Amino acid sequence: SGHHSRNDVIIEKKFSPLLPRGISADYLITNLDGHQTEFVFALENNLAFFAGFTDGEYPDAAKNPLAIEDKATGLVFEARFTPPEKYKEKISGDRWWCFPVETVSLSEDGFERTLQGGCIVLVLKFSICPSEKVGFNLTLSWR
């Protein structure tokens, strides 16, 4: 569980294991400012997964849940975003950004680009009134 606070915003997060393979993260954002506040909230998740991030082949970022299959191992990674019913109308925008994580190094043969894995970012846009709260859940699992 974690807690971050500025003078005008509180972000609370709670992690729970999902047996046998996964983790659940609950987030609660509270607006303590005296005005309606616009938010862009992004959660970055880096995966040691190679399939689905090579040769311009990216997961379908419009789907929820987002599923990525590693054809080499047969594993399927799934990310699911779930806002509580009362918050669904408040949250909009692109949900997932997906891109490869690469490193560049210089060798005897010149520059080499190496795929390290993939990154998915959950991006949410919402507005909340003073003293209002917005909560949601992010579940990461594999099978």
N, C-alpha and C. Protein backbone atom coordinates (compact mmCIF):
# COMPACT_ATOMS: atom_id res chain seq x y z
N SER A 1 0.85 -1.18 0.00
CA SER A 1 0.00 0.00 0.00
C SER A 1 0.89 1.24 0.00
N GLY A 2 0.44 2.30 -0.61
CA GLY A 2 1.24 3.52 -0.69
C GLY A 2 0.36 4.74 -0.64
N HIS A 3 0.98 5.88 -0.43
CA HIS A 3 0.23 7.13 -0.29
C HIS A 3 1.14 8.27 -0.74
N HIS A 4 0.63 9.11 -1.63
CA HIS A 4 1.38 10.29 -2.05
C HIS A 4 0.48 11.50 -1.86
N SER A 5 1.02 12.59 -1.36
CA SER A 5 0.21 13.77 -1.12
C SER A 5 0.95 15.03 -1.50
N ARG A 6 0.29 15.91 -2.20
CA ARG A 6 0.72 17.30 -2.38
C ARG A 6 -0.30 18.12 -1.62
N ASN A 7 -0.17 19.41 -1.66
CA ASN A 7 -1.12 20.25 -0.94
C ASN A 7 -2.55 20.12 -1.46
N ASP A 8 -2.71 19.82 -2.76
CA ASP A 8 -4.05 19.84 -3.32
C ASP A 8 -4.55 18.49 -3.84
N VAL A 9 -3.72 17.44 -3.80
CA VAL A 9 -4.12 16.13 -4.32
C VAL A 9 -3.56 15.04 -3.41
N ILE A 10 -4.38 14.03 -3.17
CA ILE A 10 -3.90 12.83 -2.48
C ILE A 10 -4.10 11.66 -3.42
N ILE A 11 -3.04 10.87 -3.60
CA ILE A 11 -3.12 9.64 -4.40
C ILE A 11 -2.81 8.49 -3.47
N GLU A 12 -3.77 7.58 -3.33
CA GLU A 12 -3.59 6.39 -2.51
C GLU A 12 -3.56 5.19 -3.42
N LYS A 13 -2.65 4.24 -3.14
CA LYS A 13 -2.61 3.01 -3.91
C LYS A 13 -2.42 1.83 -2.98
N LYS A 14 -3.05 0.73 -3.36
CA LYS A 14 -2.99 -0.48 -2.55
C LYS A 14 -2.76 -1.66 -3.50
N PHE A 15 -1.69 -2.43 -3.25
CA PHE A 15 -1.37 -3.59 -4.06
C PHE A 15 -1.80 -4.85 -3.33
N SER A 16 -2.35 -5.80 -4.09
CA SER A 16 -2.76 -7.09 -3.53
C SER A 16 -2.35 -8.19 -4.50
N PRO A 17 -1.83 -9.31 -4.00
CA PRO A 17 -1.50 -10.41 -4.90
C PRO A 17 -2.76 -11.09 -5.41
N LEU A 18 -2.70 -11.55 -6.65
CA LEU A 18 -3.77 -12.35 -7.23
C LEU A 18 -3.19 -13.73 -7.48
N LEU A 19 -3.67 -14.70 -6.76
CA LEU A 19 -3.13 -16.05 -6.91
C LEU A 19 -3.85 -16.78 -8.03
N PRO A 20 -3.20 -17.53 -8.88
CA PRO A 20 -1.81 -17.92 -8.74
C PRO A 20 -0.83 -16.99 -9.45
N ARG A 21 -1.28 -16.14 -10.39
CA ARG A 21 -0.33 -15.33 -11.15
C ARG A 21 -0.88 -13.94 -11.45
N GLY A 22 -0.59 -13.00 -10.59
CA GLY A 22 -1.02 -11.64 -10.89
C GLY A 22 -0.91 -10.71 -9.71
N ILE A 23 -1.24 -9.47 -9.99
CA ILE A 23 -1.24 -8.43 -8.96
C ILE A 23 -2.37 -7.46 -9.26
N SER A 24 -2.99 -6.95 -8.22
CA SER A 24 -4.08 -5.99 -8.35
C SER A 24 -3.65 -4.70 -7.68
N ALA A 25 -3.90 -3.58 -8.34
CA ALA A 25 -3.57 -2.27 -7.78
C ALA A 25 -4.83 -1.41 -7.76
N ASP A 26 -5.21 -0.94 -6.58
CA ASP A 26 -6.35 -0.04 -6.43
C ASP A 26 -5.83 1.36 -6.19
N TYR A 27 -6.37 2.33 -6.92
CA TYR A 27 -5.97 3.73 -6.82
C TYR A 27 -7.17 4.57 -6.41
N LEU A 28 -6.93 5.55 -5.54
CA LEU A 28 -7.96 6.51 -5.14
C LEU A 28 -7.32 7.89 -5.16
N ILE A 29 -7.87 8.79 -5.96
CA ILE A 29 -7.35 10.14 -6.11
C ILE A 29 -8.36 11.11 -5.54
N THR A 30 -7.92 11.95 -4.61
CA THR A 30 -8.79 12.92 -3.95
C THR A 30 -8.34 14.33 -4.28
N ASN A 31 -9.27 15.16 -4.71
CA ASN A 31 -8.99 16.56 -5.02
C ASN A 31 -9.25 17.40 -3.78
N LEU A 32 -8.20 17.93 -3.17
CA LEU A 32 -8.34 18.79 -1.99
C LEU A 32 -8.34 20.27 -2.35
N ASP A 33 -8.13 20.57 -3.64
CA ASP A 33 -8.11 21.95 -4.10
C ASP A 33 -9.53 22.52 -4.05
N GLY A 34 -9.65 23.81 -3.97
CA GLY A 34 -10.95 24.47 -3.91
C GLY A 34 -11.60 24.64 -5.28
N HIS A 35 -10.97 24.10 -6.32
CA HIS A 35 -11.48 24.25 -7.69
C HIS A 35 -11.56 22.88 -8.37
N GLN A 36 -12.40 22.82 -9.41
CA GLN A 36 -12.42 21.61 -10.24
C GLN A 36 -11.04 21.46 -10.87
N THR A 37 -10.53 20.24 -10.90
CA THR A 37 -9.17 20.00 -11.38
C THR A 37 -9.17 18.97 -12.48
N GLU A 38 -8.42 19.26 -13.56
CA GLU A 38 -8.24 18.34 -14.67
C GLU A 38 -7.00 17.49 -14.41
N PHE A 39 -7.09 16.19 -14.68
CA PHE A 39 -5.98 15.28 -14.46
C PHE A 39 -5.66 14.51 -15.73
N VAL A 40 -4.38 14.25 -15.92
CA VAL A 40 -3.90 13.22 -16.84
C VAL A 40 -3.04 12.32 -15.96
N PHE A 41 -3.48 11.10 -15.80
CA PHE A 41 -2.83 10.15 -14.89
C PHE A 41 -2.29 9.00 -15.71
N ALA A 42 -0.99 8.71 -15.61
CA ALA A 42 -0.38 7.65 -16.42
C ALA A 42 0.37 6.67 -15.52
N LEU A 43 0.12 5.39 -15.73
CA LEU A 43 0.79 4.32 -14.99
C LEU A 43 1.63 3.51 -15.97
N GLU A 44 2.95 3.51 -15.76
CA GLU A 44 3.86 2.80 -16.65
C GLU A 44 4.17 1.41 -16.11
N ASN A 45 4.11 0.42 -17.00
CA ASN A 45 4.42 -0.96 -16.65
C ASN A 45 5.39 -1.52 -17.69
N ASN A 46 6.58 -1.90 -17.27
CA ASN A 46 7.58 -2.46 -18.17
C ASN A 46 7.57 -3.98 -18.06
N LEU A 47 7.59 -4.65 -19.21
CA LEU A 47 7.48 -6.10 -19.26
C LEU A 47 8.72 -6.71 -19.88
N ALA A 48 9.18 -7.81 -19.33
CA ALA A 48 10.27 -8.56 -19.95
C ALA A 48 9.63 -9.54 -20.94
N PHE A 49 8.89 -8.98 -21.86
CA PHE A 49 8.15 -9.72 -22.87
C PHE A 49 8.64 -9.23 -24.21
N PHE A 50 8.94 -10.12 -25.13
CA PHE A 50 9.47 -9.69 -26.42
C PHE A 50 8.42 -9.76 -27.52
N ALA A 51 7.63 -10.81 -27.53
CA ALA A 51 6.62 -10.96 -28.58
C ALA A 51 5.58 -9.86 -28.45
N GLY A 52 5.12 -9.37 -29.57
CA GLY A 52 4.12 -8.31 -29.55
C GLY A 52 4.72 -6.93 -29.57
N PHE A 53 6.05 -6.84 -29.50
CA PHE A 53 6.72 -5.54 -29.52
C PHE A 53 7.83 -5.50 -30.57
N THR A 54 7.81 -6.42 -31.51
CA THR A 54 8.88 -6.49 -32.51
C THR A 54 8.34 -6.16 -33.89
N ASP A 55 9.23 -5.66 -34.74
CA ASP A 55 8.94 -5.40 -36.15
C ASP A 55 7.66 -4.59 -36.35
N GLY A 56 7.45 -3.60 -35.50
CA GLY A 56 6.28 -2.75 -35.66
C GLY A 56 4.97 -3.43 -35.29
N GLU A 57 5.04 -4.62 -34.70
CA GLU A 57 3.84 -5.35 -34.28
C GLU A 57 3.54 -4.98 -32.84
N TYR A 58 2.45 -4.25 -32.61
CA TYR A 58 2.12 -3.79 -31.27
C TYR A 58 0.75 -4.32 -30.86
N PRO A 59 0.52 -4.48 -29.56
CA PRO A 59 -0.79 -4.93 -29.09
C PRO A 59 -1.88 -3.93 -29.48
N ASP A 60 -3.10 -4.41 -29.56
CA ASP A 60 -4.25 -3.55 -29.87
C ASP A 60 -4.57 -2.71 -28.64
N ALA A 61 -4.13 -1.45 -28.68
CA ALA A 61 -4.24 -0.58 -27.51
C ALA A 61 -5.66 -0.13 -27.22
N ALA A 62 -6.60 -0.43 -28.10
CA ALA A 62 -7.99 -0.02 -27.87
C ALA A 62 -8.75 -1.04 -27.03
N LYS A 63 -8.18 -2.21 -26.81
CA LYS A 63 -8.90 -3.26 -26.09
C LYS A 63 -8.70 -3.16 -24.59
N ASN A 64 -9.73 -3.53 -23.86
CA ASN A 64 -9.67 -3.66 -22.42
C ASN A 64 -10.44 -4.93 -22.07
N PRO A 65 -9.78 -5.99 -21.62
CA PRO A 65 -8.38 -6.01 -21.23
C PRO A 65 -7.44 -6.05 -22.43
N LEU A 66 -6.24 -5.57 -22.19
CA LEU A 66 -5.17 -5.62 -23.17
C LEU A 66 -4.46 -6.95 -22.98
N ALA A 67 -4.36 -7.75 -24.04
CA ALA A 67 -3.71 -9.06 -23.95
C ALA A 67 -2.52 -9.10 -24.91
N ILE A 68 -1.39 -9.60 -24.41
CA ILE A 68 -0.18 -9.71 -25.21
C ILE A 68 0.32 -11.14 -25.08
N GLU A 69 0.45 -11.82 -26.22
CA GLU A 69 0.92 -13.20 -26.20
C GLU A 69 2.38 -13.25 -26.63
N ASP A 70 3.18 -13.97 -25.84
CA ASP A 70 4.57 -14.24 -26.20
C ASP A 70 4.57 -15.60 -26.88
N LYS A 71 4.66 -15.61 -28.21
CA LYS A 71 4.57 -16.86 -28.97
C LYS A 71 5.73 -17.80 -28.67
N ALA A 72 6.87 -17.25 -28.25
CA ALA A 72 8.03 -18.10 -27.95
C ALA A 72 7.81 -18.94 -26.70
N THR A 73 7.14 -18.38 -25.68
CA THR A 73 6.96 -19.10 -24.42
C THR A 73 5.54 -19.60 -24.22
N GLY A 74 4.60 -19.06 -24.98
CA GLY A 74 3.20 -19.42 -24.80
C GLY A 74 2.51 -18.65 -23.69
N LEU A 75 3.24 -17.77 -23.00
CA LEU A 75 2.64 -16.97 -21.93
C LEU A 75 1.76 -15.86 -22.52
N VAL A 76 0.69 -15.56 -21.83
CA VAL A 76 -0.18 -14.44 -22.21
C VAL A 76 -0.23 -13.48 -21.03
N PHE A 77 0.15 -12.22 -21.27
CA PHE A 77 0.08 -11.17 -20.26
C PHE A 77 -1.22 -10.42 -20.49
N GLU A 78 -1.93 -10.11 -19.40
CA GLU A 78 -3.19 -9.38 -19.52
C GLU A 78 -3.21 -8.21 -18.54
N ALA A 79 -3.61 -7.05 -19.04
CA ALA A 79 -3.78 -5.86 -18.21
C ALA A 79 -5.24 -5.43 -18.34
N ARG A 80 -5.90 -5.26 -17.20
CA ARG A 80 -7.33 -4.91 -17.19
C ARG A 80 -7.54 -3.67 -16.33
N PHE A 81 -8.20 -2.68 -16.92
CA PHE A 81 -8.53 -1.44 -16.23
C PHE A 81 -10.01 -1.48 -15.88
N THR A 82 -10.34 -1.24 -14.60
CA THR A 82 -11.73 -1.27 -14.17
C THR A 82 -12.04 -0.09 -13.26
N PRO A 83 -12.80 0.91 -13.78
CA PRO A 83 -13.25 1.97 -12.87
C PRO A 83 -14.55 1.53 -12.20
N PRO A 84 -14.76 1.92 -10.95
CA PRO A 84 -16.05 1.65 -10.33
C PRO A 84 -17.16 2.32 -11.14
N GLU A 85 -18.33 1.76 -11.11
CA GLU A 85 -19.46 2.23 -11.92
C GLU A 85 -19.68 3.74 -11.80
N LYS A 86 -19.58 4.29 -10.59
CA LYS A 86 -19.88 5.71 -10.42
C LYS A 86 -18.82 6.62 -11.03
N TYR A 87 -17.64 6.08 -11.41
CA TYR A 87 -16.59 6.90 -12.01
C TYR A 87 -16.48 6.71 -13.53
N LYS A 88 -17.17 5.72 -14.08
CA LYS A 88 -16.99 5.39 -15.50
C LYS A 88 -17.20 6.59 -16.42
N GLU A 89 -18.20 7.41 -16.15
CA GLU A 89 -18.48 8.55 -17.04
C GLU A 89 -17.46 9.66 -16.89
N LYS A 90 -16.66 9.66 -15.84
CA LYS A 90 -15.69 10.72 -15.61
C LYS A 90 -14.36 10.49 -16.32
N ILE A 91 -14.05 9.22 -16.66
CA ILE A 91 -12.74 8.88 -17.19
C ILE A 91 -12.84 8.69 -18.70
N SER A 92 -11.95 9.37 -19.44
CA SER A 92 -11.97 9.26 -20.89
C SER A 92 -10.54 9.25 -21.42
N GLY A 93 -10.43 9.28 -22.73
CA GLY A 93 -9.10 9.35 -23.35
C GLY A 93 -8.58 8.00 -23.75
N ASP A 94 -7.44 8.01 -24.40
CA ASP A 94 -6.79 6.77 -24.80
C ASP A 94 -6.44 5.99 -23.54
N ARG A 95 -6.69 4.71 -23.57
CA ARG A 95 -6.44 3.92 -22.37
C ARG A 95 -5.03 3.37 -22.32
N TRP A 96 -4.51 2.82 -23.41
CA TRP A 96 -3.21 2.16 -23.38
C TRP A 96 -2.27 2.76 -24.41
N TRP A 97 -1.05 2.99 -24.02
CA TRP A 97 0.02 3.29 -24.96
C TRP A 97 0.96 2.09 -24.88
N CYS A 98 1.37 1.56 -26.02
CA CYS A 98 2.25 0.38 -26.06
C CYS A 98 3.44 0.66 -26.95
N PHE A 99 4.65 0.35 -26.48
CA PHE A 99 5.84 0.58 -27.28
C PHE A 99 6.98 -0.30 -26.79
N PRO A 100 7.98 -0.55 -27.67
CA PRO A 100 9.12 -1.37 -27.25
C PRO A 100 10.07 -0.58 -26.36
N VAL A 101 10.81 -1.32 -25.51
CA VAL A 101 11.88 -0.74 -24.70
C VAL A 101 13.18 -1.28 -25.31
N GLU A 102 14.00 -0.37 -25.82
CA GLU A 102 15.21 -0.77 -26.52
C GLU A 102 16.43 -0.04 -25.96
N THR A 103 17.58 -0.65 -26.12
CA THR A 103 18.84 0.01 -25.80
C THR A 103 19.67 0.09 -27.07
N VAL A 104 20.55 1.06 -27.12
CA VAL A 104 21.47 1.23 -28.24
C VAL A 104 22.88 1.19 -27.69
N SER A 105 23.71 0.39 -28.32
CA SER A 105 25.11 0.31 -27.89
C SER A 105 26.01 0.37 -29.11
N LEU A 106 27.26 0.70 -28.86
CA LEU A 106 28.24 0.80 -29.93
C LEU A 106 29.18 -0.40 -29.83
N SER A 107 29.25 -1.17 -30.91
CA SER A 107 30.15 -2.32 -30.94
C SER A 107 31.16 -2.13 -32.07
N GLU A 108 31.98 -3.16 -32.30
CA GLU A 108 32.96 -3.10 -33.39
C GLU A 108 32.29 -2.92 -34.74
N ASP A 109 31.07 -3.43 -34.86
CA ASP A 109 30.33 -3.36 -36.12
C ASP A 109 29.50 -2.08 -36.24
N GLY A 110 29.52 -1.22 -35.26
CA GLY A 110 28.72 0.01 -35.29
C GLY A 110 27.64 -0.03 -34.22
N PHE A 111 26.61 0.75 -34.42
CA PHE A 111 25.53 0.82 -33.44
C PHE A 111 24.63 -0.41 -33.54
N GLU A 112 24.23 -0.91 -32.38
CA GLU A 112 23.31 -2.05 -32.32
C GLU A 112 22.13 -1.68 -31.45
N ARG A 113 20.96 -2.03 -31.94
CA ARG A 113 19.73 -1.80 -31.19
C ARG A 113 19.26 -3.14 -30.65
N THR A 114 19.00 -3.20 -29.33
CA THR A 114 18.60 -4.45 -28.68
C THR A 114 17.25 -4.25 -28.00
N LEU A 115 16.32 -5.13 -28.32
CA LEU A 115 15.00 -5.10 -27.69
C LEU A 115 15.12 -5.65 -26.27
N GLN A 116 14.73 -4.87 -25.27
CA GLN A 116 14.78 -5.28 -23.87
C GLN A 116 13.45 -5.81 -23.37
N GLY A 117 12.37 -5.44 -24.04
CA GLY A 117 11.03 -5.85 -23.62
C GLY A 117 10.00 -4.88 -24.15
N GLY A 118 8.90 -4.76 -23.44
CA GLY A 118 7.84 -3.86 -23.88
C GLY A 118 7.33 -3.02 -22.73
N CYS A 119 6.70 -1.93 -23.08
CA CYS A 119 6.13 -1.04 -22.07
C CYS A 119 4.67 -0.79 -22.41
N ILE A 120 3.82 -0.89 -21.42
CA ILE A 120 2.42 -0.46 -21.58
C ILE A 120 2.16 0.63 -20.56
N VAL A 121 1.48 1.67 -20.99
CA VAL A 121 1.16 2.79 -20.12
C VAL A 121 -0.35 2.99 -20.15
N LEU A 122 -0.96 2.92 -19.01
CA LEU A 122 -2.38 3.23 -18.87
C LEU A 122 -2.50 4.74 -18.71
N VAL A 123 -3.18 5.41 -19.65
CA VAL A 123 -3.32 6.87 -19.62
C VAL A 123 -4.79 7.22 -19.44
N LEU A 124 -5.09 7.96 -18.39
CA LEU A 124 -6.46 8.33 -18.07
C LEU A 124 -6.58 9.85 -18.00
N LYS A 125 -7.67 10.37 -18.52
CA LYS A 125 -7.97 11.80 -18.42
C LYS A 125 -9.29 11.94 -17.68
N PHE A 126 -9.29 12.81 -16.67
CA PHE A 126 -10.54 13.03 -15.93
C PHE A 126 -10.49 14.35 -15.20
N SER A 127 -11.64 14.77 -14.75
CA SER A 127 -11.81 16.02 -14.03
C SER A 127 -12.60 15.71 -12.76
N ILE A 128 -12.16 16.28 -11.62
CA ILE A 128 -12.93 16.07 -10.40
C ILE A 128 -13.12 17.38 -9.65
N CYS A 129 -14.24 17.48 -9.01
CA CYS A 129 -14.62 18.68 -8.26
C CYS A 129 -13.89 18.72 -6.91
N PRO A 130 -13.93 19.86 -6.22
CA PRO A 130 -13.29 19.95 -4.91
C PRO A 130 -13.81 18.88 -3.96
N SER A 131 -12.92 18.27 -3.22
CA SER A 131 -13.20 17.22 -2.22
C SER A 131 -13.74 15.93 -2.82
N GLU A 132 -13.84 15.86 -4.13
CA GLU A 132 -14.33 14.65 -4.79
C GLU A 132 -13.20 13.64 -4.92
N LYS A 133 -13.59 12.35 -5.05
CA LYS A 133 -12.64 11.26 -5.21
C LYS A 133 -12.94 10.49 -6.48
N VAL A 134 -11.88 9.98 -7.13
CA VAL A 134 -12.01 9.10 -8.28
C VAL A 134 -11.14 7.88 -8.00
N GLY A 135 -11.70 6.70 -8.18
CA GLY A 135 -10.95 5.48 -7.93
C GLY A 135 -11.05 4.52 -9.09
N PHE A 136 -10.07 3.63 -9.19
CA PHE A 136 -10.09 2.61 -10.22
C PHE A 136 -9.13 1.50 -9.83
N ASN A 137 -9.21 0.40 -10.59
CA ASN A 137 -8.39 -0.78 -10.34
C ASN A 137 -7.64 -1.14 -11.61
N LEU A 138 -6.39 -1.55 -11.45
CA LEU A 138 -5.58 -2.07 -12.54
C LEU A 138 -5.12 -3.47 -12.13
N THR A 139 -5.43 -4.46 -12.96
CA THR A 139 -5.03 -5.84 -12.69
C THR A 139 -4.05 -6.29 -13.75
N LEU A 140 -2.93 -6.83 -13.31
CA LEU A 140 -1.91 -7.39 -14.21
C LEU A 140 -1.80 -8.87 -13.90
N SER A 141 -1.93 -9.70 -14.94
CA SER A 141 -1.86 -11.16 -14.72
C SER A 141 -1.24 -11.83 -15.94
N TRP A 142 -0.86 -13.08 -15.77
CA TRP A 142 -0.33 -13.85 -16.89
C TRP A 142 -0.77 -15.30 -16.71
N ARG A 143 -0.81 -15.98 -17.85
CA ARG A 143 -1.22 -17.40 -17.84
C ARG A 143 -0.45 -18.17 -18.88
